Amino acid sequence: MKTLKDVRIGETVKVVRITGSGPLRRRIMDMGIIRGTDIFVRKMAPLGDPIEVTVRGYELSLRRDDIDIIEVE
């Protein structure tokens, strides 16, 4: 399965599921990233961490370690 970590800059993807459990999963879901949500990858820091995405009309910066649990299509 493809994760958000595999998405290129400028692509829009849809969340299929969030793997993992505990506080990290809850934090991701509290940001509005749930199944069926569209995510647009805006840009990436020079060293690849963090990435900036647009979710539900607002911009988020996410660490690469965190986006491993977000499966997309």
N, C-alpha and C. Protein backbone atom coordinates (compact mmCIF):
# COMPACT_ATOMS: atom_id res chain seq x y z
N MET A 1 0.85 -1.18 0.00
CA MET A 1 0.00 0.00 0.00
C MET A 1 0.89 1.24 0.00
N LYS A 2 0.44 2.26 -0.68
CA LYS A 2 1.17 3.53 -0.80
C LYS A 2 0.87 4.40 0.43
N THR A 3 1.90 5.00 0.99
CA THR A 3 1.71 5.90 2.12
C THR A 3 1.94 7.34 1.67
N LEU A 4 1.60 8.27 2.52
CA LEU A 4 1.79 9.69 2.21
C LEU A 4 3.26 10.02 1.98
N LYS A 5 4.14 9.22 2.53
CA LYS A 5 5.58 9.42 2.36
C LYS A 5 6.00 9.21 0.90
N ASP A 6 5.23 8.42 0.14
CA ASP A 6 5.56 8.10 -1.25
C ASP A 6 5.01 9.10 -2.26
N VAL A 7 4.23 10.06 -1.81
CA VAL A 7 3.56 11.01 -2.71
C VAL A 7 4.52 12.14 -3.09
N ARG A 8 4.46 12.55 -4.35
CA ARG A 8 5.34 13.62 -4.84
C ARG A 8 4.70 14.99 -4.63
N ILE A 9 5.53 16.01 -4.68
CA ILE A 9 5.07 17.39 -4.56
C ILE A 9 4.11 17.70 -5.71
N GLY A 10 3.00 18.34 -5.38
CA GLY A 10 2.01 18.71 -6.39
C GLY A 10 0.90 17.70 -6.59
N GLU A 11 0.99 16.55 -5.97
CA GLU A 11 -0.05 15.52 -6.11
C GLU A 11 -1.13 15.68 -5.05
N THR A 12 -2.34 15.28 -5.43
CA THR A 12 -3.45 15.20 -4.48
C THR A 12 -3.84 13.75 -4.35
N VAL A 13 -3.97 13.30 -3.11
CA VAL A 13 -4.32 11.90 -2.84
C VAL A 13 -5.47 11.84 -1.84
N LYS A 14 -6.08 10.67 -1.74
CA LYS A 14 -7.18 10.46 -0.81
C LYS A 14 -6.74 9.46 0.25
N VAL A 15 -7.06 9.75 1.51
CA VAL A 15 -6.69 8.87 2.62
C VAL A 15 -7.54 7.61 2.56
N VAL A 16 -6.86 6.45 2.61
CA VAL A 16 -7.55 5.16 2.62
C VAL A 16 -7.74 4.69 4.06
N ARG A 17 -6.67 4.77 4.84
CA ARG A 17 -6.78 4.42 6.26
C ARG A 17 -5.55 4.92 7.00
N ILE A 18 -5.69 4.97 8.32
CA ILE A 18 -4.58 5.36 9.18
C ILE A 18 -4.24 4.14 10.02
N THR A 19 -3.03 3.64 9.83
CA THR A 19 -2.58 2.48 10.58
C THR A 19 -2.02 2.94 11.91
N GLY A 20 -1.60 2.01 12.72
CA GLY A 20 -1.02 2.39 14.00
C GLY A 20 -2.10 2.59 15.05
N SER A 21 -1.65 2.97 16.22
CA SER A 21 -2.59 3.18 17.33
C SER A 21 -1.99 4.17 18.31
N GLY A 22 -2.77 4.48 19.32
CA GLY A 22 -2.28 5.33 20.39
C GLY A 22 -2.34 6.80 20.09
N PRO A 23 -1.52 7.58 20.81
CA PRO A 23 -1.57 9.04 20.73
C PRO A 23 -1.23 9.60 19.34
N LEU A 24 -0.32 8.95 18.61
CA LEU A 24 0.03 9.45 17.28
C LEU A 24 -1.17 9.36 16.34
N ARG A 25 -1.85 8.22 16.34
CA ARG A 25 -3.03 8.08 15.49
C ARG A 25 -4.10 9.09 15.87
N ARG A 26 -4.33 9.27 17.14
CA ARG A 26 -5.34 10.22 17.61
C ARG A 26 -4.98 11.64 17.19
N ARG A 27 -3.70 12.01 17.29
CA ARG A 27 -3.25 13.35 16.90
C ARG A 27 -3.48 13.60 15.41
N ILE A 28 -3.15 12.60 14.58
CA ILE A 28 -3.35 12.72 13.13
C ILE A 28 -4.85 12.91 12.83
N MET A 29 -5.69 12.12 13.48
CA MET A 29 -7.13 12.22 13.25
C MET A 29 -7.68 13.56 13.76
N ASP A 30 -7.16 14.06 14.85
CA ASP A 30 -7.59 15.36 15.38
C ASP A 30 -7.26 16.51 14.43
N MET A 31 -6.26 16.33 13.58
CA MET A 31 -5.90 17.35 12.59
C MET A 31 -6.86 17.33 11.39
N GLY A 32 -7.79 16.40 11.36
CA GLY A 32 -8.74 16.31 10.26
C GLY A 32 -8.36 15.33 9.19
N ILE A 33 -7.30 14.57 9.43
CA ILE A 33 -6.88 13.58 8.45
C ILE A 33 -7.55 12.26 8.80
N ILE A 34 -8.66 12.00 8.12
CA ILE A 34 -9.41 10.76 8.33
C ILE A 34 -9.68 10.12 6.97
N ARG A 35 -10.24 8.91 6.99
CA ARG A 35 -10.52 8.18 5.75
C ARG A 35 -11.40 9.02 4.82
N GLY A 36 -11.01 9.08 3.55
CA GLY A 36 -11.77 9.83 2.56
C GLY A 36 -11.35 11.27 2.37
N THR A 37 -10.47 11.77 3.20
CA THR A 37 -10.00 13.16 3.12
C THR A 37 -8.98 13.32 2.00
N ASP A 38 -9.10 14.39 1.21
CA ASP A 38 -8.11 14.70 0.18
C ASP A 38 -6.96 15.47 0.80
N ILE A 39 -5.74 15.10 0.39
CA ILE A 39 -4.53 15.77 0.87
C ILE A 39 -3.72 16.20 -0.34
N PHE A 40 -3.36 17.48 -0.38
CA PHE A 40 -2.51 18.02 -1.44
C PHE A 40 -1.13 18.27 -0.86
N VAL A 41 -0.10 17.69 -1.46
CA VAL A 41 1.28 17.87 -1.00
C VAL A 41 1.83 19.13 -1.64
N ARG A 42 2.03 20.18 -0.82
CA ARG A 42 2.46 21.48 -1.32
C ARG A 42 3.96 21.59 -1.53
N LYS A 43 4.72 21.28 -0.50
CA LYS A 43 6.18 21.40 -0.62
C LYS A 43 6.87 20.57 0.44
N MET A 44 8.18 20.44 0.26
CA MET A 44 8.99 19.64 1.16
C MET A 44 10.22 20.45 1.56
N ALA A 45 10.62 20.32 2.80
CA ALA A 45 11.82 21.01 3.27
C ALA A 45 13.04 20.48 2.50
N PRO A 46 14.11 21.27 2.43
CA PRO A 46 15.30 20.87 1.67
C PRO A 46 15.85 19.48 2.02
N LEU A 47 15.81 19.12 3.28
CA LEU A 47 16.32 17.80 3.66
C LEU A 47 15.21 16.75 3.73
N GLY A 48 14.00 17.11 3.29
CA GLY A 48 12.91 16.15 3.21
C GLY A 48 12.04 16.05 4.45
N ASP A 49 12.31 16.83 5.47
CA ASP A 49 11.52 16.75 6.69
C ASP A 49 11.39 18.13 7.29
N PRO A 50 10.25 18.68 7.48
CA PRO A 50 8.90 18.14 7.30
C PRO A 50 8.37 18.38 5.89
N ILE A 51 7.15 17.88 5.64
CA ILE A 51 6.47 18.19 4.39
C ILE A 51 5.28 19.08 4.74
N GLU A 52 4.89 19.92 3.79
CA GLU A 52 3.73 20.79 3.99
C GLU A 52 2.60 20.30 3.10
N VAL A 53 1.44 20.10 3.70
CA VAL A 53 0.28 19.61 2.98
C VAL A 53 -0.91 20.54 3.23
N THR A 54 -1.88 20.46 2.32
CA THR A 54 -3.14 21.18 2.50
C THR A 54 -4.23 20.14 2.74
N VAL A 55 -4.93 20.30 3.86
CA VAL A 55 -6.00 19.40 4.25
C VAL A 55 -7.21 20.23 4.65
N ARG A 56 -8.34 19.99 4.00
CA ARG A 56 -9.60 20.68 4.33
C ARG A 56 -9.46 22.21 4.34
N GLY A 57 -8.62 22.73 3.43
CA GLY A 57 -8.49 24.18 3.30
C GLY A 57 -7.46 24.83 4.19
N TYR A 58 -6.75 24.07 4.99
CA TYR A 58 -5.69 24.67 5.80
C TYR A 58 -4.38 23.92 5.60
N GLU A 59 -3.29 24.57 5.94
CA GLU A 59 -1.96 24.01 5.71
C GLU A 59 -1.39 23.40 6.98
N LEU A 60 -0.77 22.24 6.81
CA LEU A 60 -0.14 21.54 7.93
C LEU A 60 1.28 21.18 7.56
N SER A 61 2.14 21.16 8.54
CA SER A 61 3.48 20.62 8.37
C SER A 61 3.53 19.32 9.16
N LEU A 62 3.93 18.25 8.49
CA LEU A 62 3.97 16.93 9.11
C LEU A 62 5.36 16.35 9.02
N ARG A 63 5.80 15.71 10.09
CA ARG A 63 7.10 15.04 10.08
C ARG A 63 7.01 13.76 9.26
N ARG A 64 8.10 13.39 8.62
CA ARG A 64 8.11 12.20 7.78
C ARG A 64 7.85 10.93 8.60
N ASP A 65 8.27 10.90 9.84
CA ASP A 65 7.99 9.74 10.68
C ASP A 65 6.50 9.57 10.93
N ASP A 66 5.78 10.69 11.01
CA ASP A 66 4.34 10.65 11.27
C ASP A 66 3.54 10.19 10.06
N ILE A 67 4.00 10.53 8.85
CA ILE A 67 3.20 10.23 7.67
C ILE A 67 3.33 8.79 7.21
N ASP A 68 4.17 8.01 7.84
CA ASP A 68 4.27 6.59 7.50
C ASP A 68 2.99 5.84 7.81
N ILE A 69 2.17 6.33 8.72
CA ILE A 69 0.98 5.60 9.10
C ILE A 69 -0.25 6.02 8.29
N ILE A 70 -0.10 6.95 7.34
CA ILE A 70 -1.22 7.42 6.54
C ILE A 70 -1.17 6.74 5.17
N GLU A 71 -2.08 5.79 4.94
CA GLU A 71 -2.16 5.09 3.66
C GLU A 71 -3.08 5.86 2.72
N VAL A 72 -2.64 6.03 1.46
CA VAL A 72 -3.38 6.83 0.48
C VAL A 72 -3.53 6.08 -0.84
N GLU A 73 -4.43 6.61 -1.67
CA GLU A 73 -4.57 6.08 -3.02
C GLU A 73 -4.49 7.18 -4.04
